[in-house]
PDB file of N, CA and C in Angstrom:
ATOM      1  N   MET A   1       1.267  -1.136   0.404  1.00  0.00           N
ATOM      2  CA  MET A   1      -0.349  -0.272  -0.017  1.00  0.00           C
ATOM      3  C   MET A   1       0.615   1.136   0.008  1.00  0.00           C
ATOM      4  N   ALA A   2       0.795   2.419  -0.913  1.00  0.00           N
ATOM      5  CA  ALA A   2       0.787   3.352  -0.702  1.00  0.00           C
ATOM      6  C   ALA A   2       0.981   4.271   0.178  1.00  0.00           C
ATOM      7  N   LYS A   3       2.211   4.684   0.810  1.00  0.00           N
ATOM      8  CA  LYS A   3       2.202   5.744   1.900  1.00  0.00           C
ATOM      9  C   LYS A   3       1.043   7.026   1.511  1.00  0.00           C
ATOM     10  N   SER A   4       0.247   7.627   2.382  1.00  0.00           N
ATOM     11  CA  SER A   4      -0.720   8.418   2.359  1.00  0.00           C
ATOM     12  C   SER A   4       0.127   9.911   1.875  1.00  0.00           C
ATOM     13  N   VAL A   5      -0.244  10.993   1.340  1.00  0.00           N
ATOM     14  CA  VAL A   5       0.650  12.417   1.666  1.00  0.00           C
ATOM     15  C   VAL A   5       1.052  13.000   2.229  1.00  0.00           C
ATOM     16  N   GLN A   6       0.164  13.187   3.388  1.00  0.00           N
ATOM     17  CA  GLN A   6       1.199  13.560   5.037  1.00  0.00           C
ATOM     18  C   GLN A   6       1.920  12.855   5.338  1.00  0.00           C
ATOM     19  N   ALA A   7       1.314  11.837   5.576  1.00  0.00           N
ATOM     20  CA  ALA A   7       3.140  10.058   5.790  1.00  0.00           C
ATOM     21  C   ALA A   7       4.523  10.474   4.483  1.00  0.00           C
ATOM     22  N   ARG A   8       3.862  10.996   3.391  1.00  0.00           N
ATOM     23  CA  ARG A   8       4.884  11.345   2.964  1.00  0.00           C
ATOM     24  C   ARG A   8       5.860  12.687   2.853  1.00  0.00           C
ATOM     25  N   ALA A   9       4.746  13.564   3.151  1.00  0.00           N
ATOM     26  CA  ALA A   9       5.441  14.839   4.121  1.00  0.00           C
ATOM     27  C   ALA A   9       6.281  14.534   4.958  1.00  0.00           C
ATOM     28  N   ALA A  10       5.688  14.302   5.943  1.00  0.00           N
ATOM     29  CA  ALA A  10       6.559  14.080   7.134  1.00  0.00           C
ATOM     30  C   ALA A  10       8.030  13.149   7.041  1.00  0.00           C
ATOM     31  N   ALA A  11       7.681  12.587   5.890  1.00  0.00           N
ATOM     32  CA  ALA A  11       9.318  11.338   5.744  1.00  0.00           C
ATOM     33  C   ALA A  11       9.829  12.470   4.998  1.00  0.00           C
ATOM     34  N   GLU A  12      10.035  13.308   4.539  1.00  0.00           N
ATOM     35  CA  GLU A  12      10.996  14.148   3.905  1.00  0.00           C
ATOM     36  C   GLU A  12      11.036  15.358   5.113  1.00  0.00           C
ATOM     37  N   ILE A  13      10.043  15.804   5.681  1.00  0.00           N
ATOM     38  CA  ILE A  13      10.283  16.969   6.996  1.00  0.00           C
ATOM     39  C   ILE A  13      11.674  16.815   7.691  1.00  0.00           C
ATOM     40  N   ARG A  14      11.218  15.017   8.268  1.00  0.00           N
ATOM     41  CA  ARG A  14      11.972  14.555   9.143  1.00  0.00           C
ATOM     42  C   ARG A  14      12.905  14.482   8.949  1.00  0.00           C
ATOM     43  N   LYS A  15      13.631  14.013   7.119  1.00  0.00           N
ATOM     44  CA  LYS A  15      15.037  13.071   7.100  1.00  0.00           C
ATOM     45  C   LYS A  15      15.492  15.186   6.630  1.00  0.00           C
ATOM     46  N   LYS A  16      14.887  16.417   5.872  1.00  0.00           N
ATOM     47  CA  LYS A  16      15.907  17.580   5.588  1.00  0.00           C
ATOM     48  C   LYS A  16      16.089  18.607   8.118  1.00  0.00           C
ATOM     49  N   MET A  17      14.875  17.554   8.111  1.00  0.00           N
ATOM     50  CA  MET A  17      15.341  18.306   9.621  1.00  0.00           C
ATOM     51  C   MET A  17      16.687  17.342  10.325  1.00  0.00           C
ATOM     52  N   LYS A  18      16.715  16.507  10.149  1.00  0.00           N
ATOM     53  CA  LYS A  18      18.166  15.270  10.246  1.00  0.00           C
ATOM     54  C   LYS A  18      19.229  15.360   9.948  1.00  0.00           C
ATOM     55  N   ASP A  19      18.906  16.401   9.089  1.00  0.00           N
ATOM     56  CA  ASP A  19      20.451  15.976   7.902  1.00  0.00           C
ATOM     57  C   ASP A  19      20.666  17.939   8.540  1.00  0.00           C
ATOM     58  N   ALA A  20      19.769  18.202   8.678  1.00  0.00           N
ATOM     59  CA  ALA A  20      20.962  19.969   9.369  1.00  0.00           C
ATOM     60  C   ALA A  20      20.649  20.569  10.610  1.00  0.00           C
ATOM     61  N   GLY A  21      21.031  18.756  11.200  1.00  0.00           N
ATOM     62  CA  GLY A  21      21.841  18.591  12.272  1.00  0.00           C
ATOM     63  C   GLY A  21      20.719  19.635  13.525  1.00  0.00           C
ATOM     64  N   PHE A  22      19.028  19.148  13.083  1.00  0.00           N
ATOM     65  CA  PHE A  22      18.163  19.451  14.520  1.00  0.00           C
ATOM     66  C   PHE A  22      17.300  18.015  14.761  1.00  0.00           C
ATOM     67  N   LYS A  23      17.038  17.695  16.551  1.00  0.00           N
ATOM     68  CA  LYS A  23      16.691  16.497  16.207  1.00  0.00           C
ATOM     69  C   LYS A  23      14.760  17.079  16.912  1.00  0.00           C
ATOM     70  N   ALA A  24      14.469  16.509  16.038  1.00  0.00           N
ATOM     71  CA  ALA A  24      12.921  16.878  15.996  1.00  0.00           C
ATOM     72  C   ALA A  24      12.355  15.501  15.846  1.00  0.00           C
ATOM     73  N   LYS A  25      10.922  15.333  16.731  1.00  0.00           N
ATOM     74  CA  LYS A  25       9.778  14.327  16.592  1.00  0.00           C
ATOM     75  C   LYS A  25       9.102  14.677  14.874  1.00  0.00           C
ATOM     76  N   VAL A  26       8.641  14.533  14.614  1.00  0.00           N
ATOM     77  CA  VAL A  26       7.620  14.733  13.141  1.00  0.00           C
ATOM     78  C   VAL A  26       6.682  13.674  13.261  1.00  0.00           C
ATOM     79  N   THR A  27       5.456  14.111  12.692  1.00  0.00           N
ATOM     80  CA  THR A  27       4.314  13.086  11.763  1.00  0.00           C
ATOM     81  C   THR A  27       3.215  13.810  11.867  1.00  0.00           C
ATOM     82  N   SER A  28       2.197  12.447  10.898  1.00  0.00           N
ATOM     83  CA  SER A  28       1.414  13.585   9.930  1.00  0.00           C
ATOM     84  C   SER A  28       0.196  12.658  10.946  1.00  0.00           C
ATOM     85  N   PHE A  29      -0.747  13.122  10.227  1.00  0.00           N
ATOM     86  CA  PHE A  29      -2.158  13.171  10.681  1.00  0.00           C
ATOM     87  C   PHE A  29      -3.287  13.229   9.354  1.00  0.00           C
ATOM     88  N   ALA A  30      -4.373  12.733   9.992  1.00  0.00           N
ATOM     89  CA  ALA A  30      -5.776  12.838   8.940  1.00  0.00           C
ATOM     90  C   ALA A  30      -6.912  13.110  10.169  1.00  0.00           C
ATOM     91  N   ALA A  31      -7.596  13.767   9.371  1.00  0.00           N
ATOM     92  CA  ALA A  31      -9.258  14.012   9.198  1.00  0.00           C
ATOM     93  C   ALA A  31      -9.862  14.219   9.003  1.00  0.00           C
ATOM     94  N   SER A  32     -11.127  14.655   8.990  1.00  0.00           N
ATOM     95  CA  SER A  32     -11.772  14.818   7.566  1.00  0.00           C
ATOM     96  C   SER A  32     -11.844  16.349   6.651  1.00  0.00           C
ATOM     97  N   MET A  33     -11.557  16.046   5.869  1.00  0.00           N
ATOM     98  CA  MET A  33     -11.349  17.318   4.832  1.00  0.00           C
ATOM     99  C   MET A  33      -9.827  18.155   5.209  1.00  0.00           C
ATOM    100  N   CYS A  34      -9.151  17.344   6.443  1.00  0.00           N
ATOM    101  CA  CYS A  34      -7.791  17.961   6.929  1.00  0.00           C
ATOM    102  C   CYS A  34      -6.927  16.944   7.202  1.00  0.00           C
ATOM    103  N   ASN A  35      -5.534  17.443   6.673  1.00  0.00           N
ATOM    104  CA  ASN A  35      -4.150  16.624   6.841  1.00  0.00           C
ATOM    105  C   ASN A  35      -3.484  17.050   7.194  1.00  0.00           C
ATOM    106  N   GLY A  36      -1.962  17.322   7.672  1.00  0.00           N
ATOM    107  CA  GLY A  36      -1.445  17.641   8.507  1.00  0.00           C
ATOM    108  C   GLY A  36       0.027  16.766   8.807  1.00  0.00           C
ATOM    109  N   VAL A  37       1.389  17.971   9.019  1.00  0.00           N
ATOM    110  CA  VAL A  37       1.861  16.634   9.871  1.00  0.00           C
ATOM    111  C   VAL A  37       2.758  18.373  10.948  1.00  0.00           C
ATOM    112  N   ARG A  38       3.197  17.126  12.064  1.00  0.00           N
ATOM    113  CA  ARG A  38       3.368  18.024  13.350  1.00  0.00           C
ATOM    114  C   ARG A  38       5.294  18.197  13.402  1.00  0.00           C
ATOM    115  N   VAL A  39       5.323  18.880  13.781  1.00  0.00           N
ATOM    116  CA  VAL A  39       7.327  19.138  14.294  1.00  0.00           C
ATOM    117  C   VAL A  39       7.440  19.278  15.323  1.00  0.00           C
ATOM    118  N   TYR A  40       7.795  18.938  16.468  1.00  0.00           N
ATOM    119  CA  TYR A  40       8.291  18.286  17.696  1.00  0.00           C
ATOM    120  C   TYR A  40       9.445  19.038  17.506  1.00  0.00           C
ATOM    121  N   CYS A  41       9.920  20.617  17.729  1.00  0.00           N
ATOM    122  CA  CYS A  41      11.456  20.670  17.872  1.00  0.00           C
ATOM    123  C   CYS A  41      11.764  20.803  19.100  1.00  0.00           C
ATOM    124  N   GLN A  42      12.864  21.274  19.836  1.00  0.00           N
ATOM    125  CA  GLN A  42      13.391  20.739  21.105  1.00  0.00           C
ATOM    126  C   GLN A  42      14.184  22.862  21.042  1.00  0.00           C
ATOM    127  N   GLU A  43      13.433  22.759  22.261  1.00  0.00           N
ATOM    128  CA  GLU A  43      13.791  24.561  23.162  1.00  0.00           C
ATOM    129  C   GLU A  43      14.529  25.098  22.573  1.00  0.00           C
ATOM    130  N   ALA A  44      15.782  24.861  22.485  1.00  0.00           N
ATOM    131  CA  ALA A  44      17.552  24.703  22.006  1.00  0.00           C
ATOM    132  C   ALA A  44      17.212  25.246  21.205  1.00  0.00           C
ATOM    133  N   ASP A  45      16.315  25.091  19.967  1.00  0.00           N
ATOM    134  CA  ASP A  45      16.534  25.067  18.195  1.00  0.00           C
ATOM    135  C   ASP A  45      15.444  26.808  18.518  1.00  0.00           C
ATOM    136  N   MET A  46      14.339  26.674  18.570  1.00  0.00           N
ATOM    137  CA  MET A  46      13.674  28.497  18.765  1.00  0.00           C
ATOM    138  C   MET A  46      15.405  29.358  18.258  1.00  0.00           C
ATOM    139  N   PRO A  47      16.577  29.948  18.704  1.00  0.00           N
ATOM    140  CA  PRO A  47      16.909  30.520  18.006  1.00  0.00           C
ATOM    141  C   PRO A  47      16.914  30.260  16.706  1.00  0.00           C
ATOM    142  N   LYS A  48      17.379  28.976  15.918  1.00  0.00           N
ATOM    143  CA  LYS A  48      16.912  28.803  14.512  1.00  0.00           C
ATOM    144  C   LYS A  48      15.800  28.529  14.231  1.00  0.00           C
ATOM    145  N   ARG A  49      14.713  29.233  14.384  1.00  0.00           N
ATOM    146  CA  ARG A  49      13.015  29.556  13.807  1.00  0.00           C
ATOM    147  C   ARG A  49      12.992  29.465  12.587  1.00  0.00           C
ATOM    148  N   ASP A  50      13.616  30.491  11.917  1.00  0.00           N
ATOM    149  CA  ASP A  50      13.352  30.902  10.254  1.00  0.00           C
ATOM    150  C   ASP A  50      14.125  29.435   9.725  1.00  0.00           C
ATOM    151  N   GLU A  51      15.421  28.485  10.430  1.00  0.00           N
ATOM    152  CA  GLU A  51      15.950  27.729   9.264  1.00  0.00           C
ATOM    153  C   GLU A  51      14.816  26.869   9.313  1.00  0.00           C
ATOM    154  N   ILE A  52      14.331  26.301  10.288  1.00  0.00           N
ATOM    155  CA  ILE A  52      12.976  25.785  11.072  1.00  0.00           C
ATOM    156  C   ILE A  52      12.112  25.349   9.513  1.00  0.00           C
ATOM    157  N   ASP A  53      11.600  27.109   9.670  1.00  0.00           N
ATOM    158  CA  ASP A  53      10.107  27.130   8.690  1.00  0.00           C
ATOM    159  C   ASP A  53      11.011  26.967   6.955  1.00  0.00           C
ATOM    160  N   GLU A  54      12.161  27.899   7.259  1.00  0.00           N
ATOM    161  CA  GLU A  54      12.382  27.404   5.445  1.00  0.00           C
ATOM    162  C   GLU A  54      12.501  25.347   5.493  1.00  0.00           C
ATOM    163  N   ILE A  55      12.235  24.999   6.184  1.00  0.00           N
ATOM    164  CA  ILE A  55      12.406  23.350   5.935  1.00  0.00           C
ATOM    165  C   ILE A  55      11.236  22.836   5.607  1.00  0.00           C
ATOM    166  N   CYS A  56      10.418  23.495   6.607  1.00  0.00           N
ATOM    167  CA  CYS A  56       9.258  22.914   6.809  1.00  0.00           C
ATOM    168  C   CYS A  56       7.417  23.672   5.680  1.00  0.00           C
ATOM    169  N   MET A  57       7.756  24.707   5.648  1.00  0.00           N
ATOM    170  CA  MET A  57       6.230  25.543   5.687  1.00  0.00           C
ATOM    171  C   MET A  57       6.646  25.289   3.845  1.00  0.00           C
ATOM    172  N   PRO A  58       7.240  24.645   3.099  1.00  0.00           N
ATOM    173  CA  PRO A  58       6.718  24.985   1.627  1.00  0.00           C
ATOM    174  C   PRO A  58       5.965  22.996   1.786  1.00  0.00           C
ATOM    175  N   TYR A  59       6.083  22.562   2.703  1.00  0.00           N
ATOM    176  CA  TYR A  59       5.226  21.499   2.719  1.00  0.00           C
ATOM    177  C   TYR A  59       3.687  21.558   3.245  1.00  0.00           C
ATOM    178  N   GLN A  60       3.283  22.949   3.561  1.00  0.00           N
ATOM    179  CA  GLN A  60       2.304  23.377   3.617  1.00  0.00           C
ATOM    180  C   GLN A  60       1.215  24.200   2.497  1.00  0.00           C
ATOM    181  N   TYR A  61       0.598  23.654   1.318  1.00  0.00           N
ATOM    182  CA  TYR A  61       0.372  24.517   0.285  1.00  0.00           C
ATOM    183  C   TYR A  61      -0.750  25.696   0.487  1.00  0.00           C
ATOM    184  N   GLY A  62      -1.025  26.319   1.621  1.00  0.00           N
ATOM    185  CA  GLY A  62      -1.909  27.439   1.796  1.00  0.00           C
ATOM    186  C   GLY A  62      -1.676  28.227   3.070  1.00  0.00           C
ATOM    187  N   HIS A  63      -2.690  28.654   3.565  1.00  0.00           N
ATOM    188  CA  HIS A  63      -3.036  29.219   4.600  1.00  0.00           C
ATOM    189  C   HIS A  63      -4.673  29.480   4.625  1.00  0.00           C
ATOM    190  N   PHE A  64      -4.692  29.756   7.000  1.00  0.00           N
ATOM    191  CA  PHE A  64      -6.508  30.264   6.686  1.00  0.00           C
ATOM    192  C   PHE A  64      -6.372  31.256   6.246  1.00  0.00           C
ATOM    193  N   ASN A  65      -7.569  32.208   6.249  1.00  0.00           N
ATOM    194  CA  ASN A  65      -7.312  33.242   6.153  1.00  0.00           C
ATOM    195  C   ASN A  65      -9.171  33.807   6.892  1.00  0.00           C
ATOM    196  N   GLY A  66      -8.517  34.541   8.159  1.00  0.00           N
ATOM    197  CA  GLY A  66      -9.465  34.702   9.117  1.00  0.00           C
ATOM    198  C   GLY A  66     -10.528  35.761   9.145  1.00  0.00           C
ATOM    199  N   MET A  67     -10.252  36.733   8.185  1.00  0.00           N
ATOM    200  CA  MET A  67     -10.870  37.932   8.113  1.00  0.00           C
ATOM    201  C   MET A  67     -12.315  36.858   7.114  1.00  0.00           C
ATOM    202  N   GLU A  68     -11.758  36.123   6.183  1.00  0.00           N
ATOM    203  CA  GLU A  68     -12.786  36.202   4.945  1.00  0.00           C
ATOM    204  C   GLU A  68     -13.537  34.608   5.229  1.00  0.00           C
ATOM    205  N   ASP A  69     -12.769  34.146   6.176  1.00  0.00           N
ATOM    206  CA  ASP A  69     -13.256  32.383   7.051  1.00  0.00           C
ATOM    207  C   ASP A  69     -12.862  31.653   5.478  1.00  0.00           C
ATOM    208  N   ILE A  70     -11.686  31.716   5.545  1.00  0.00           N
ATOM    209  CA  ILE A  70     -12.120  30.700   4.083  1.00  0.00           C
ATOM    210  C   ILE A  70      -9.892  30.011   3.969  1.00  0.00           C
ATOM    211  N   TYR A  71     -10.026  29.068   3.369  1.00  0.00           N
ATOM    212  CA  TYR A  71      -8.298  28.456   3.130  1.00  0.00           C
ATOM    213  C   TYR A  71      -8.153  28.511   2.389  1.00  0.00           C
ATOM    214  N   GLU A  72      -6.962  30.120   1.797  1.00  0.00           N
ATOM    215  CA  GLU A  72      -6.434  30.094   0.433  1.00  0.00           C
ATOM    216  C   GLU A  72      -5.258  29.374   0.153  1.00  0.00           C
ATOM    217  N   TYR A  73      -5.398  28.888  -1.383  1.00  0.00           N
ATOM    218  CA  TYR A  73      -4.225  27.833  -1.330  1.00  0.00           C
ATOM    219  C   TYR A  73      -3.149  28.775  -2.241  1.00  0.00           C
ATOM    220  N   SER A  74      -1.629  29.081  -1.973  1.00  0.00           N
ATOM    221  CA  SER A  74      -1.224  30.422  -1.641  1.00  0.00           C
ATOM    222  C   SER A  74       0.500  29.767  -2.157  1.00  0.00           C
ATOM    223  N   ASN A  75       0.835  28.463  -1.891  1.00  0.00           N
ATOM    224  CA  ASN A  75       1.590  27.903  -2.145  1.00  0.00           C
ATOM    225  C   ASN A  75       1.463  26.024  -2.488  1.00  0.00           C
ATOM    226  N   MET A  76       0.783  26.324  -3.637  1.00  0.00           N
ATOM    227  CA  MET A  76       1.179  24.978  -4.609  1.00  0.00           C
ATOM    228  C   MET A  76       2.862  24.455  -4.588  1.00  0.00           C
ATOM    229  N   ASN A  77       3.252  22.954  -4.554  1.00  0.00           N
ATOM    230  CA  ASN A  77       3.575  22.646  -5.198  1.00  0.00           C
ATOM    231  C   ASN A  77       4.042  21.496  -5.976  1.00  0.00           C
ATOM    232  N   ASP A  78       3.886  21.409  -7.334  1.00  0.00           N
ATOM    233  CA  ASP A  78       3.151  20.046  -7.609  1.00  0.00           C
ATOM    234  C   ASP A  78       5.323  18.519  -7.102  1.00  0.00           C
ATOM    235  N   HIS A  79       6.211  19.318  -6.982  1.00  0.00           N
ATOM    236  CA  HIS A  79       7.362  18.275  -6.635  1.00  0.00           C
ATOM    237  C   HIS A  79       7.106  18.183  -5.350  1.00  0.00           C
ATOM    238  N   ILE A  80       6.430  18.581  -4.800  1.00  0.00           N
ATOM    239  CA  ILE A  80       6.414  17.750  -3.226  1.00  0.00           C
ATOM    240  C   ILE A  80       5.142  17.205  -2.541  1.00  0.00           C
ATOM    241  N   PRO A  81       5.332  16.275  -1.708  1.00  0.00           N
ATOM    242  CA  PRO A  81       4.007  15.888  -1.249  1.00  0.00           C
ATOM    243  C   PRO A  81       3.488  17.242   0.063  1.00  0.00           C
ATOM    244  N   GLN A  82       2.322  18.113  -0.029  1.00  0.00           N
ATOM    245  CA  GLN A  82       1.795  19.253   0.094  1.00  0.00           C
ATOM    246  C   GLN A  82       0.668  18.452   1.153  1.00  0.00           C
ATOM    247  N   VAL A  83       0.403  19.337   2.501  1.00  0.00           N
ATOM    248  CA  VAL A  83      -0.550  19.257   3.385  1.00  0.00           C
ATOM    249  C   VAL A  83      -1.274  20.595   3.413  1.00  0.00           C
ATOM    250  N   LYS A  84      -2.230  19.951   4.011  1.00  0.00           N
ATOM    251  CA  LYS A  84      -3.400  21.173   4.931  1.00  0.00           C
ATOM    252  C   LYS A  84      -2.676  22.828   5.995  1.00  0.00           C
ATOM    253  N   PHE A  85      -1.956  21.861   6.580  1.00  0.00           N
ATOM    254  CA  PHE A  85      -1.162  22.467   7.545  1.00  0.00           C
ATOM    255  C   PHE A  85       0.002  21.242   8.367  1.00  0.00           C
ATOM    256  N   VAL A  86       1.173  22.515   8.478  1.00  0.00           N
ATOM    257  CA  VAL A  86       2.076  21.816   8.809  1.00  0.00           C
ATOM    258  C   VAL A  86       2.319  22.819  10.523  1.00  0.00           C
ATOM    259  N   SER A  87       2.377  22.479  11.615  1.00  0.00           N
ATOM    260  CA  SER A  87       2.497  23.058  12.990  1.00  0.00           C
ATOM    261  C   SER A  87       4.502  22.386  13.479  1.00  0.00           C
ATOM    262  N   ILE A  88       4.501  23.622  13.888  1.00  0.00           N
ATOM    263  CA  ILE A  88       5.828  23.130  14.708  1.00  0.00           C
ATOM    264  C   ILE A  88       5.546  24.255  16.042  1.00  0.00           C
ATOM    265  N   SER A  89       6.130  22.652  16.989  1.00  0.00           N
ATOM    266  CA  SER A  89       5.689  23.137  18.147  1.00  0.00           C
ATOM    267  C   SER A  89       7.026  22.924  18.816  1.00  0.00           C
ATOM    268  N   TRP A  90       7.531  23.849  19.869  1.00  0.00           N
ATOM    269  CA  TRP A  90       8.909  23.609  20.968  1.00  0.00           C
ATOM    270  C   TRP A  90       8.254  22.546  22.649  1.00  0.00           C
ATOM    271  N   HIS A  91       9.316  21.979  22.552  1.00  0.00           N
ATOM    272  CA  HIS A  91       9.919  20.942  24.398  1.00  0.00           C
ATOM    273  C   HIS A  91      10.354  20.975  24.474  1.00  0.00           C
ATOM    274  N   SER A  92      10.880  20.964  25.699  1.00  0.00           N
ATOM    275  CA  SER A  92      12.398  21.260  26.571  1.00  0.00           C
ATOM    276  C   SER A  92      12.427  20.100  26.701  1.00  0.00           C
TER     277      SER A  92
END
C-alpha cells in the first residue's frame, strides 16, 4: 500500500531536519477534509526558527484567512508532497 501524502511529507521533513542537524519528532495526521504534519522541536533550537520554517513550511500548500473565513491555496508545489497544515511546536 502506498504511503499517504501526509506520511510522505512527514518523512521528507524528518529527513531534512535530521540532515540540518535538528532533533525533532515529526508526525502526520489526517481528519475529515484535513491533513497535516506536526513537528516537535527542542526549545534549544528556537533561535533557529527561521531555518526550521524554511525546511518545514514549503510542505504546507496554503494558509487560513481568518478575515474571510476561508483556506487560501497560496503555496502549491507539484514537486513535493504537501498538506493543509504544518505545525511547529517546542518542548524542553
